Structures are given as structure tokens and as C-alpha cells.
């Protein structure tokens, strides 16, 4: 009666490369990465489990195809700025979304912390460019907001940047200095 196994049963339902939104695709990619890690750490338990859901987690060919398909779809949703659209970019009115980009990079940061972020050059580029978009847009927003309002507004950004540590460098020293200042203000606001 390990509760982890109940969570594992939910993973196949989360894995869907037919998702339309970047958020749904990011969550599917997260589930595939977690399933891959569990498969490598507990293969005997998965093989012994009598469940269709667990059998889906063992189908490495299908999971790899889905992972590649999701990364391709997310790449198509990424704008030159690095931000992700919430939905496919077919409609010219659909621009990059700070929120959708944040959801994606936060989930990838969580995978990094869990030591199961897939090593893939296309995914690496998505994450790097997404973080640069978050850096640039957070700095712009911080310049237009009052200092008091900015302190708590960027909690999610600070969390995302702290998840990645030094894995993804800032675009340049000035961006790093401004981002570090925003993170310090946010952390200070949380402490008080």
C-alpha cells in the first residue's frame, strides 16, 4: 500500500501528446520523464504489477515517440523571444505567454531537481530560451511596477530561477544583476 504506486497509476492518464496547449504538453512531458525515472529505478516492481497502467509505463518505444512529439510541438509554439504560446501559433493574435512559459520552465526545473530532466538538445534549447524570455520580461515588469508591488509579484520567477541554479546562465551580466536583485527582493519579502 505504498502511496507512490497510486501516483504512478495516474501517470499514463497525464501522458498525452495530442494536447493542444503548451501547459498540457509540458505536464505530459513531466509525466513521461517521471515514468522513465521510475522505470529505471523500480523495473522489477513494475513488471510484477498486474496493471494495464504500469504496462504503458514500460513501453519505452511509445514513450520515446511521445516525448519527441511533445518537444516538437512545444518548439513550434516557441516564439523568437523564447516565450511559449498558450495554444499553437496558427492564429497571428496568439503571442508568447509569460504564464505558459513560466509553467513550462517551472516543470522542467522540477524535473531537474528530481534528477530526471531528459537530456535532449531540443529540450535544452526550449528551456534556455524560455528562461531568457522569463528574465527579460520579469525585468521589464519590475521596472514598471513599484518596488513594494514587485516584491511579491515575482515569487514564481524567483522559484523558477532558484530551481535551475547555475545550469542555465543568464544572457549577460547585466541581466543576471537585475534578475538577482529581483530574486533578492522577493526572497526578502517572503521572509518578512
N, C-alpha and C. Protein backbone atom coordinates (compact mmCIF):
# COMPACT_ATOMS: atom_id res chain seq x y z
N UNK A 1 0.82 -1.21 0.00
CA UNK A 1 0.00 0.00 0.00
C UNK A 1 0.86 1.26 0.00
N UNK A 2 1.84 1.29 -0.85
CA UNK A 2 2.70 2.46 -0.99
C UNK A 2 1.97 3.52 -1.81
N UNK A 3 1.77 4.72 -1.25
CA UNK A 3 1.05 5.77 -1.99
C UNK A 3 1.71 6.17 -3.30
N UNK A 4 3.00 5.92 -3.42
CA UNK A 4 3.70 6.24 -4.66
C UNK A 4 3.09 5.48 -5.83
N UNK A 5 2.65 4.25 -5.58
CA UNK A 5 2.09 3.44 -6.66
C UNK A 5 0.76 4.02 -7.14
N UNK A 6 0.01 4.67 -6.26
CA UNK A 6 -1.23 5.32 -6.69
C UNK A 6 -0.91 6.49 -7.62
N UNK A 7 0.15 7.19 -7.32
CA UNK A 7 0.59 8.29 -8.20
C UNK A 7 1.02 7.74 -9.56
N UNK A 8 1.72 6.62 -9.53
CA UNK A 8 2.17 6.02 -10.79
C UNK A 8 1.00 5.62 -11.67
N UNK A 9 -0.08 5.16 -11.05
CA UNK A 9 -1.25 4.78 -11.83
C UNK A 9 -1.83 5.96 -12.59
N UNK A 10 -1.61 7.18 -12.09
CA UNK A 10 -2.14 8.37 -12.74
C UNK A 10 -1.27 8.84 -13.90
N UNK A 11 0.00 8.46 -13.93
CA UNK A 11 0.91 8.96 -14.96
C UNK A 11 0.43 8.68 -16.40
N UNK A 12 -0.02 7.46 -16.72
CA UNK A 12 -0.46 7.24 -18.11
C UNK A 12 -1.59 8.17 -18.54
N UNK A 13 -2.45 8.55 -17.62
CA UNK A 13 -3.55 9.47 -17.96
C UNK A 13 -3.01 10.87 -18.26
N UNK A 14 -1.88 11.23 -17.69
CA UNK A 14 -1.28 12.55 -17.93
C UNK A 14 -0.48 12.59 -19.23
N UNK A 15 -0.05 11.44 -19.71
CA UNK A 15 0.81 11.38 -20.90
C UNK A 15 -0.07 11.40 -22.14
N UNK A 16 -0.07 12.52 -22.81
CA UNK A 16 -0.91 12.68 -23.99
C UNK A 16 -0.25 13.67 -24.93
N UNK A 17 0.33 13.17 -26.02
CA UNK A 17 0.98 14.06 -26.96
C UNK A 17 0.00 14.73 -27.92
N UNK A 18 -1.30 14.48 -27.72
CA UNK A 18 -2.33 15.16 -28.51
C UNK A 18 -2.86 16.42 -27.83
N UNK A 19 -2.26 16.80 -26.74
CA UNK A 19 -2.65 18.03 -26.05
C UNK A 19 -2.51 19.20 -27.02
N UNK A 20 -3.36 20.19 -26.86
CA UNK A 20 -3.27 21.38 -27.70
C UNK A 20 -2.48 22.50 -27.02
N UNK A 21 -2.61 22.63 -25.72
CA UNK A 21 -1.97 23.75 -25.03
C UNK A 21 -0.54 23.42 -24.64
N UNK A 22 0.28 24.46 -24.56
CA UNK A 22 1.67 24.25 -24.13
C UNK A 22 1.69 23.74 -22.69
N UNK A 23 0.73 24.17 -21.89
CA UNK A 23 0.69 23.70 -20.49
C UNK A 23 0.40 22.21 -20.43
N UNK A 24 -0.57 21.75 -21.23
CA UNK A 24 -0.88 20.32 -21.26
C UNK A 24 0.30 19.50 -21.77
N UNK A 25 0.97 20.02 -22.79
CA UNK A 25 2.15 19.33 -23.33
C UNK A 25 3.27 19.28 -22.29
N UNK A 26 3.47 20.38 -21.57
CA UNK A 26 4.52 20.42 -20.55
C UNK A 26 4.23 19.41 -19.44
N UNK A 27 2.97 19.31 -19.04
CA UNK A 27 2.62 18.33 -18.00
C UNK A 27 2.79 16.90 -18.50
N UNK A 28 2.48 16.66 -19.77
CA UNK A 28 2.70 15.32 -20.35
C UNK A 28 4.19 14.98 -20.38
N UNK A 29 5.00 15.95 -20.77
CA UNK A 29 6.45 15.75 -20.79
C UNK A 29 6.96 15.45 -19.38
N UNK A 30 6.44 16.15 -18.38
CA UNK A 30 6.79 15.91 -16.99
C UNK A 30 6.46 14.46 -16.60
N UNK A 31 5.25 14.01 -16.96
CA UNK A 31 4.83 12.65 -16.60
C UNK A 31 5.71 11.60 -17.28
N UNK A 32 6.08 11.83 -18.53
CA UNK A 32 6.95 10.88 -19.24
C UNK A 32 8.30 10.80 -18.55
N UNK A 33 8.85 11.93 -18.16
CA UNK A 33 10.17 11.94 -17.50
C UNK A 33 10.12 11.23 -16.15
N UNK A 34 9.06 11.46 -15.40
CA UNK A 34 8.92 10.78 -14.10
C UNK A 34 8.75 9.29 -14.32
N UNK A 35 7.92 8.91 -15.30
CA UNK A 35 7.72 7.49 -15.60
C UNK A 35 9.04 6.83 -15.99
N UNK A 36 9.84 7.53 -16.77
CA UNK A 36 11.14 7.00 -17.20
C UNK A 36 12.05 6.76 -16.00
N UNK A 37 12.05 7.70 -15.07
CA UNK A 37 12.90 7.54 -13.88
C UNK A 37 12.43 6.36 -13.03
N UNK A 38 11.11 6.25 -12.84
CA UNK A 38 10.57 5.14 -12.04
C UNK A 38 10.88 3.81 -12.73
N UNK A 39 10.74 3.79 -14.05
CA UNK A 39 11.01 2.55 -14.78
C UNK A 39 12.46 2.11 -14.58
N UNK A 40 13.38 3.07 -14.53
CA UNK A 40 14.79 2.72 -14.33
C UNK A 40 15.10 2.36 -12.88
N UNK A 41 14.38 2.93 -11.93
CA UNK A 41 14.67 2.66 -10.53
C UNK A 41 13.93 1.45 -9.98
N UNK A 42 12.76 1.15 -10.52
CA UNK A 42 11.95 0.06 -9.96
C UNK A 42 11.42 -0.87 -11.05
N UNK A 43 12.26 -1.36 -11.96
CA UNK A 43 11.72 -2.17 -13.06
C UNK A 43 11.05 -3.47 -12.58
N UNK A 44 11.61 -4.08 -11.56
CA UNK A 44 11.04 -5.35 -11.09
C UNK A 44 9.64 -5.15 -10.54
N UNK A 45 9.46 -4.08 -9.77
CA UNK A 45 8.15 -3.82 -9.19
C UNK A 45 7.11 -3.54 -10.28
N UNK A 46 7.52 -2.80 -11.32
CA UNK A 46 6.59 -2.51 -12.41
C UNK A 46 6.24 -3.78 -13.18
N UNK A 47 7.23 -4.63 -13.41
CA UNK A 47 6.98 -5.87 -14.14
C UNK A 47 6.07 -6.80 -13.34
N UNK A 48 6.21 -6.79 -12.02
CA UNK A 48 5.41 -7.66 -11.17
C UNK A 48 3.98 -7.15 -11.01
N UNK A 49 3.78 -5.86 -11.19
CA UNK A 49 2.45 -5.28 -11.00
C UNK A 49 1.53 -5.74 -12.13
N UNK A 50 0.35 -6.15 -11.75
CA UNK A 50 -0.62 -6.63 -12.73
C UNK A 50 -1.58 -5.48 -13.05
N UNK A 51 -1.13 -4.60 -13.93
CA UNK A 51 -1.93 -3.42 -14.23
C UNK A 51 -1.63 -2.94 -15.65
N UNK A 52 -2.66 -2.57 -16.36
CA UNK A 52 -2.50 -2.04 -17.71
C UNK A 52 -1.74 -0.72 -17.66
N UNK A 53 -2.02 0.10 -16.62
CA UNK A 53 -1.33 1.39 -16.50
C UNK A 53 0.18 1.19 -16.40
N UNK A 54 0.61 0.24 -15.61
CA UNK A 54 2.04 0.01 -15.45
C UNK A 54 2.65 -0.52 -16.75
N UNK A 55 1.89 -1.32 -17.48
CA UNK A 55 2.39 -1.83 -18.76
C UNK A 55 2.67 -0.67 -19.71
N UNK A 56 1.84 0.37 -19.69
CA UNK A 56 2.07 1.54 -20.53
C UNK A 56 3.37 2.24 -20.16
N UNK A 57 3.71 2.23 -18.89
CA UNK A 57 4.94 2.87 -18.44
C UNK A 57 6.19 2.10 -18.88
N UNK A 58 6.02 0.83 -19.23
CA UNK A 58 7.14 0.00 -19.66
C UNK A 58 7.37 0.06 -21.17
N UNK A 59 6.45 0.65 -21.91
CA UNK A 59 6.57 0.73 -23.36
C UNK A 59 7.50 1.88 -23.73
N UNK A 60 8.80 1.60 -23.69
CA UNK A 60 9.79 2.66 -23.89
C UNK A 60 9.73 3.26 -25.29
N UNK A 61 9.40 2.45 -26.28
CA UNK A 61 9.33 2.97 -27.65
C UNK A 61 8.21 3.99 -27.77
N UNK A 62 7.05 3.67 -27.26
CA UNK A 62 5.92 4.60 -27.33
C UNK A 62 6.20 5.87 -26.52
N UNK A 63 6.75 5.72 -25.33
CA UNK A 63 7.06 6.90 -24.51
C UNK A 63 8.09 7.80 -25.18
N UNK A 64 9.09 7.21 -25.83
CA UNK A 64 10.11 8.00 -26.52
C UNK A 64 9.50 8.73 -27.72
N UNK A 65 8.61 8.06 -28.45
CA UNK A 65 7.91 8.72 -29.56
C UNK A 65 7.07 9.90 -29.05
N UNK A 66 6.38 9.69 -27.95
CA UNK A 66 5.55 10.76 -27.38
C UNK A 66 6.41 11.92 -26.90
N UNK A 67 7.53 11.60 -26.25
CA UNK A 67 8.43 12.65 -25.77
C UNK A 67 8.92 13.51 -26.93
N UNK A 68 9.36 12.87 -28.00
CA UNK A 68 9.84 13.61 -29.17
C UNK A 68 8.73 14.44 -29.80
N UNK A 69 7.54 13.87 -29.88
CA UNK A 69 6.41 14.59 -30.46
C UNK A 69 6.07 15.83 -29.64
N UNK A 70 6.09 15.69 -28.32
CA UNK A 70 5.78 16.81 -27.43
C UNK A 70 6.83 17.91 -27.58
N UNK A 71 8.10 17.54 -27.62
CA UNK A 71 9.16 18.53 -27.76
C UNK A 71 9.03 19.25 -29.10
N UNK A 72 8.69 18.53 -30.15
CA UNK A 72 8.48 19.17 -31.46
C UNK A 72 7.32 20.17 -31.41
N UNK A 73 6.23 19.79 -30.76
CA UNK A 73 5.07 20.68 -30.66
C UNK A 73 5.39 21.91 -29.82
N UNK A 74 6.11 21.71 -28.74
CA UNK A 74 6.49 22.86 -27.90
C UNK A 74 7.45 23.79 -28.67
N UNK A 75 8.36 23.21 -29.43
CA UNK A 75 9.28 24.01 -30.23
C UNK A 75 8.51 24.86 -31.24
N UNK A 76 7.47 24.30 -31.82
CA UNK A 76 6.65 25.04 -32.78
C UNK A 76 5.86 26.16 -32.09
N UNK A 77 5.62 26.03 -30.78
CA UNK A 77 4.88 27.05 -30.03
C UNK A 77 5.79 28.13 -29.46
N UNK A 78 7.10 27.95 -29.59
CA UNK A 78 8.02 28.93 -29.02
C UNK A 78 8.27 30.06 -30.02
N UNK A 79 8.12 31.28 -29.54
CA UNK A 79 8.32 32.47 -30.35
C UNK A 79 9.80 32.84 -30.39
N UNK A 80 10.19 33.71 -31.33
CA UNK A 80 11.58 34.16 -31.38
C UNK A 80 12.07 34.76 -30.06
N UNK A 81 11.14 35.32 -29.28
CA UNK A 81 11.50 35.90 -27.98
C UNK A 81 11.86 34.83 -26.95
N UNK A 82 11.50 33.56 -27.24
CA UNK A 82 11.74 32.47 -26.29
C UNK A 82 10.49 32.09 -25.52
N UNK A 83 9.48 32.96 -25.54
CA UNK A 83 8.23 32.67 -24.84
C UNK A 83 7.39 31.66 -25.60
N UNK A 84 6.59 30.90 -24.85
CA UNK A 84 5.70 29.92 -25.45
C UNK A 84 4.30 30.48 -25.58
N UNK A 85 3.64 30.14 -26.68
CA UNK A 85 2.22 30.44 -26.82
C UNK A 85 1.45 29.49 -25.93
N UNK A 86 0.29 29.92 -25.52
CA UNK A 86 -0.58 29.03 -24.76
C UNK A 86 -1.14 27.96 -25.69
N UNK A 87 -1.47 28.36 -26.91
CA UNK A 87 -2.02 27.46 -27.92
C UNK A 87 -1.11 27.53 -29.15
N UNK A 88 -1.30 26.62 -30.12
CA UNK A 88 -0.47 26.66 -31.33
C UNK A 88 -0.51 28.05 -31.99
N UNK A 89 0.59 28.39 -32.67
CA UNK A 89 0.77 29.74 -33.21
C UNK A 89 0.05 29.99 -34.53
N UNK A 90 -0.87 29.16 -34.96
CA UNK A 90 -1.55 29.36 -36.23
C UNK A 90 -2.28 30.68 -36.33
N UNK A 91 -2.79 31.18 -35.22
CA UNK A 91 -3.51 32.46 -35.18
C UNK A 91 -2.50 33.55 -34.85
N UNK A 92 -2.41 34.56 -35.72
CA UNK A 92 -1.40 35.61 -35.53
C UNK A 92 -1.64 36.43 -34.27
N UNK A 93 -2.84 36.34 -33.70
CA UNK A 93 -3.13 37.08 -32.46
C UNK A 93 -2.57 36.39 -31.22
N UNK A 94 -2.13 35.16 -31.40
CA UNK A 94 -1.61 34.40 -30.26
C UNK A 94 -0.13 34.72 -30.11
N UNK A 95 0.19 35.42 -29.04
CA UNK A 95 1.58 35.77 -28.77
C UNK A 95 2.17 34.90 -27.69
N UNK A 96 3.37 35.22 -27.32
CA UNK A 96 4.04 34.50 -26.23
C UNK A 96 3.33 34.82 -24.92
N UNK A 97 3.23 33.84 -24.08
CA UNK A 97 2.55 33.99 -22.78
C UNK A 97 3.57 33.83 -21.65
N UNK A 98 3.66 34.84 -20.81
CA UNK A 98 4.55 34.78 -19.65
C UNK A 98 4.13 33.62 -18.75
N UNK A 99 2.83 33.48 -18.55
CA UNK A 99 2.31 32.43 -17.67
C UNK A 99 2.62 31.04 -18.23
N UNK A 100 2.32 30.81 -19.51
CA UNK A 100 2.56 29.49 -20.11
C UNK A 100 4.05 29.15 -20.11
N UNK A 101 4.86 30.15 -20.42
CA UNK A 101 6.31 29.93 -20.40
C UNK A 101 6.76 29.59 -18.99
N UNK A 102 6.21 30.29 -18.01
CA UNK A 102 6.55 30.02 -16.62
C UNK A 102 6.16 28.62 -16.18
N UNK A 103 4.98 28.17 -16.59
CA UNK A 103 4.54 26.80 -16.25
C UNK A 103 5.53 25.79 -16.82
N UNK A 104 5.89 25.98 -18.09
CA UNK A 104 6.82 25.05 -18.73
C UNK A 104 8.18 25.02 -18.03
N UNK A 105 8.80 26.19 -17.85
CA UNK A 105 10.15 26.18 -17.27
C UNK A 105 10.12 25.73 -15.82
N UNK A 106 9.04 26.01 -15.10
CA UNK A 106 8.96 25.53 -13.71
C UNK A 106 8.89 24.00 -13.67
N UNK A 107 8.08 23.40 -14.54
CA UNK A 107 8.02 21.94 -14.57
C UNK A 107 9.37 21.33 -14.95
N UNK A 108 10.07 21.95 -15.89
CA UNK A 108 11.39 21.44 -16.26
C UNK A 108 12.38 21.63 -15.11
N UNK A 109 12.26 22.71 -14.36
CA UNK A 109 13.09 22.92 -13.18
C UNK A 109 12.82 21.88 -12.11
N UNK A 110 11.54 21.54 -11.95
CA UNK A 110 11.18 20.47 -11.00
C UNK A 110 11.82 19.15 -11.43
N UNK A 111 11.78 18.87 -12.74
CA UNK A 111 12.43 17.64 -13.24
C UNK A 111 13.93 17.66 -12.98
N UNK A 112 14.54 18.82 -13.15
CA UNK A 112 15.98 18.95 -12.87
C UNK A 112 16.26 18.62 -11.40
N UNK A 113 15.43 19.14 -10.51
CA UNK A 113 15.62 18.86 -9.09
C UNK A 113 15.40 17.38 -8.76
N UNK A 114 14.49 16.74 -9.48
CA UNK A 114 14.22 15.31 -9.28
C UNK A 114 15.26 14.42 -9.98
N UNK A 115 16.18 15.08 -10.68
CA UNK A 115 17.23 14.39 -11.43
C UNK A 115 16.65 13.51 -12.54
N UNK A 116 15.61 14.03 -13.19
CA UNK A 116 15.04 13.29 -14.32
C UNK A 116 14.68 14.19 -15.50
N UNK A 117 15.37 15.33 -15.61
CA UNK A 117 15.19 16.17 -16.79
C UNK A 117 15.87 15.46 -17.97
N UNK A 118 15.10 15.13 -19.02
CA UNK A 118 15.70 14.40 -20.14
C UNK A 118 16.84 15.20 -20.79
N UNK A 119 17.88 14.48 -21.19
CA UNK A 119 18.99 15.12 -21.90
C UNK A 119 18.64 15.08 -23.38
N UNK A 120 18.28 16.25 -23.89
CA UNK A 120 17.85 16.36 -25.28
C UNK A 120 18.19 17.77 -25.74
N UNK A 121 18.97 17.93 -26.81
CA UNK A 121 19.37 19.27 -27.26
C UNK A 121 18.17 20.18 -27.57
N UNK A 122 17.11 19.63 -28.17
CA UNK A 122 15.94 20.45 -28.49
C UNK A 122 15.25 20.92 -27.21
N UNK A 123 15.14 20.04 -26.23
CA UNK A 123 14.53 20.43 -24.95
C UNK A 123 15.42 21.44 -24.23
N UNK A 124 16.72 21.22 -24.28
CA UNK A 124 17.66 22.14 -23.67
C UNK A 124 17.49 23.55 -24.26
N UNK A 125 17.34 23.63 -25.56
CA UNK A 125 17.13 24.92 -26.22
C UNK A 125 15.81 25.56 -25.79
N UNK A 126 14.76 24.75 -25.71
CA UNK A 126 13.46 25.26 -25.26
C UNK A 126 13.56 25.87 -23.87
N UNK A 127 14.19 25.16 -22.97
CA UNK A 127 14.31 25.63 -21.58
C UNK A 127 15.18 26.89 -21.52
N UNK A 128 16.32 26.86 -22.17
CA UNK A 128 17.24 28.01 -22.15
C UNK A 128 16.54 29.26 -22.69
N UNK A 129 15.89 29.14 -23.82
CA UNK A 129 15.21 30.29 -24.43
C UNK A 129 14.01 30.73 -23.58
N UNK A 130 13.32 29.76 -22.99
CA UNK A 130 12.20 30.11 -22.11
C UNK A 130 12.66 30.89 -20.89
N UNK A 131 13.78 30.48 -20.31
CA UNK A 131 14.33 31.20 -19.16
C UNK A 131 14.77 32.61 -19.56
N UNK A 132 15.37 32.75 -20.73
CA UNK A 132 15.77 34.08 -21.19
C UNK A 132 14.56 34.98 -21.38
N UNK A 133 13.48 34.41 -21.89
CA UNK A 133 12.23 35.17 -22.03
C UNK A 133 11.71 35.60 -20.65
N UNK A 134 11.73 34.67 -19.71
CA UNK A 134 11.27 34.99 -18.34
C UNK A 134 12.14 36.08 -17.73
N UNK A 135 13.46 35.98 -17.90
CA UNK A 135 14.38 37.00 -17.38
C UNK A 135 14.02 38.38 -17.95
N UNK A 136 13.95 38.46 -19.27
CA UNK A 136 13.71 39.75 -19.94
C UNK A 136 12.38 40.36 -19.54
N UNK A 137 11.33 39.55 -19.52
CA UNK A 137 10.00 40.08 -19.22
C UNK A 137 9.83 40.41 -17.74
N UNK A 138 10.47 39.66 -16.89
CA UNK A 138 10.41 39.97 -15.45
C UNK A 138 11.12 41.29 -15.18
N UNK A 139 12.26 41.50 -15.80
CA UNK A 139 13.00 42.75 -15.62
C UNK A 139 12.16 43.94 -16.10
N UNK A 140 11.52 43.80 -17.25
CA UNK A 140 10.66 44.88 -17.76
C UNK A 140 9.51 45.15 -16.80
N UNK A 141 8.85 44.09 -16.32
CA UNK A 141 7.74 44.28 -15.39
C UNK A 141 8.20 44.91 -14.09
N UNK A 142 9.38 44.53 -13.62
CA UNK A 142 9.90 45.08 -12.37
C UNK A 142 10.21 46.57 -12.52
N UNK A 143 10.60 46.99 -13.71
CA UNK A 143 10.89 48.41 -13.94
C UNK A 143 9.63 49.26 -13.97
N UNK A 144 8.51 48.66 -14.34
CA UNK A 144 7.26 49.44 -14.43
C UNK A 144 6.45 49.38 -13.16
N UNK A 145 6.70 48.41 -12.29
CA UNK A 145 5.96 48.29 -11.02
C UNK A 145 6.67 49.05 -9.92
N UNK A 146 5.91 49.39 -8.90
CA UNK A 146 6.53 50.00 -7.72
C UNK A 146 7.32 48.92 -7.00
N UNK A 147 8.30 49.32 -6.24
CA UNK A 147 9.15 48.37 -5.52
C UNK A 147 8.32 47.49 -4.59
N UNK A 148 7.35 48.09 -3.91
CA UNK A 148 6.52 47.32 -2.97
C UNK A 148 5.70 46.26 -3.70
N UNK A 149 5.15 46.62 -4.85
CA UNK A 149 4.33 45.67 -5.60
C UNK A 149 5.18 44.55 -6.19
N UNK A 150 6.39 44.88 -6.59
CA UNK A 150 7.26 43.91 -7.25
C UNK A 150 7.74 42.82 -6.31
N UNK A 151 7.83 43.12 -5.02
CA UNK A 151 8.42 42.15 -4.09
C UNK A 151 7.70 40.80 -4.12
N UNK A 152 6.38 40.78 -4.07
CA UNK A 152 5.66 39.51 -4.03
C UNK A 152 5.21 39.05 -5.41
N UNK A 153 5.19 39.95 -6.35
CA UNK A 153 4.71 39.62 -7.69
C UNK A 153 5.58 38.57 -8.38
N UNK A 154 6.85 38.55 -8.06
CA UNK A 154 7.79 37.71 -8.79
C UNK A 154 8.23 36.47 -8.02
N UNK A 155 7.39 36.02 -7.11
CA UNK A 155 7.71 34.83 -6.33
C UNK A 155 7.92 33.61 -7.24
N UNK A 156 7.04 33.43 -8.22
CA UNK A 156 7.16 32.30 -9.13
C UNK A 156 8.47 32.38 -9.93
N UNK A 157 8.81 33.57 -10.39
CA UNK A 157 10.05 33.75 -11.15
C UNK A 157 11.26 33.40 -10.28
N UNK A 158 11.26 33.89 -9.05
CA UNK A 158 12.38 33.61 -8.15
C UNK A 158 12.51 32.09 -7.92
N UNK A 159 11.37 31.44 -7.71
CA UNK A 159 11.37 29.99 -7.50
C UNK A 159 11.95 29.28 -8.73
N UNK A 160 11.49 29.68 -9.91
CA UNK A 160 11.97 29.05 -11.15
C UNK A 160 13.48 29.22 -11.28
N UNK A 161 13.97 30.42 -11.09
CA UNK A 161 15.41 30.66 -11.26
C UNK A 161 16.21 29.89 -10.23
N UNK A 162 15.68 29.79 -9.00
CA UNK A 162 16.40 29.04 -7.96
C UNK A 162 16.41 27.54 -8.25
N UNK A 163 15.36 27.03 -8.93
CA UNK A 163 15.34 25.61 -9.31
C UNK A 163 16.52 25.26 -10.22
N UNK A 164 16.86 26.18 -11.11
CA UNK A 164 17.90 25.89 -12.10
C UNK A 164 19.31 26.17 -11.62
N UNK A 165 19.45 26.94 -10.56
CA UNK A 165 20.80 27.24 -10.07
C UNK A 165 21.65 27.80 -11.19
N UNK A 166 22.80 27.22 -11.40
CA UNK A 166 23.70 27.73 -12.44
C UNK A 166 23.65 26.90 -13.73
N UNK A 167 22.68 25.99 -13.85
CA UNK A 167 22.62 25.15 -15.05
C UNK A 167 22.44 25.98 -16.32
N UNK A 168 21.59 26.99 -16.26
CA UNK A 168 21.37 27.85 -17.43
C UNK A 168 21.79 29.26 -17.08
N UNK A 169 22.82 29.70 -17.75
CA UNK A 169 23.37 31.03 -17.48
C UNK A 169 22.42 32.12 -17.97
N UNK A 170 22.57 33.28 -17.39
CA UNK A 170 21.83 34.45 -17.86
C UNK A 170 22.42 34.90 -19.19
N UNK A 171 21.63 35.68 -19.95
CA UNK A 171 22.08 36.14 -21.27
C UNK A 171 23.35 36.97 -21.18
N UNK A 172 23.45 37.82 -20.13
CA UNK A 172 24.67 38.61 -19.92
C UNK A 172 24.72 39.05 -18.45
N UNK A 173 25.79 39.71 -18.06
CA UNK A 173 26.00 40.10 -16.66
C UNK A 173 24.95 41.09 -16.18
N UNK A 174 24.51 42.01 -17.04
CA UNK A 174 23.50 42.99 -16.64
C UNK A 174 22.17 42.31 -16.33
N UNK A 175 21.77 41.37 -17.19
CA UNK A 175 20.53 40.62 -16.95
C UNK A 175 20.65 39.86 -15.63
N UNK A 176 21.78 39.22 -15.39
CA UNK A 176 21.98 38.48 -14.15
C UNK A 176 21.89 39.41 -12.94
N UNK A 177 22.50 40.57 -13.03
CA UNK A 177 22.47 41.52 -11.92
C UNK A 177 21.04 41.96 -11.62
N UNK A 178 20.29 42.30 -12.65
CA UNK A 178 18.90 42.74 -12.45
C UNK A 178 18.03 41.60 -11.93
N UNK A 179 18.21 40.41 -12.50
CA UNK A 179 17.43 39.25 -12.05
C UNK A 179 17.76 38.91 -10.60
N UNK A 180 19.04 38.91 -10.26
CA UNK A 180 19.43 38.62 -8.87
C UNK A 180 18.83 39.63 -7.91
N UNK A 181 18.73 40.88 -8.32
CA UNK A 181 18.13 41.92 -7.49
C UNK A 181 16.65 41.62 -7.26
N UNK A 182 15.94 41.23 -8.31
CA UNK A 182 14.51 40.89 -8.18
C UNK A 182 14.34 39.68 -7.27
N UNK A 183 15.18 38.68 -7.45
CA UNK A 183 15.09 37.47 -6.62
C UNK A 183 15.37 37.83 -5.16
N UNK A 184 16.38 38.65 -4.91
CA UNK A 184 16.70 39.04 -3.53
C UNK A 184 15.54 39.80 -2.89
N UNK A 185 14.91 40.71 -3.62
CA UNK A 185 13.75 41.44 -3.10
C UNK A 185 12.60 40.49 -2.79
N UNK A 186 12.39 39.54 -3.66
CA UNK A 186 11.29 38.58 -3.47
C UNK A 186 11.55 37.69 -2.27
N UNK A 187 12.75 37.17 -2.15
CA UNK A 187 13.10 36.31 -1.02
C UNK A 187 13.00 37.09 0.29
N UNK A 188 13.45 38.34 0.27
CA UNK A 188 13.36 39.20 1.45
C UNK A 188 11.90 39.43 1.83
N UNK A 189 11.03 39.65 0.85
CA UNK A 189 9.61 39.88 1.13
C UNK A 189 8.96 38.65 1.74
N UNK A 190 9.36 37.46 1.27
CA UNK A 190 8.80 36.23 1.81
C UNK A 190 9.24 36.02 3.25
N UNK A 191 10.47 36.37 3.55
CA UNK A 191 10.99 36.18 4.90
C UNK A 191 10.33 37.12 5.92
N UNK A 192 9.88 38.26 5.45
CA UNK A 192 9.28 39.23 6.37
C UNK A 192 7.82 39.19 6.23
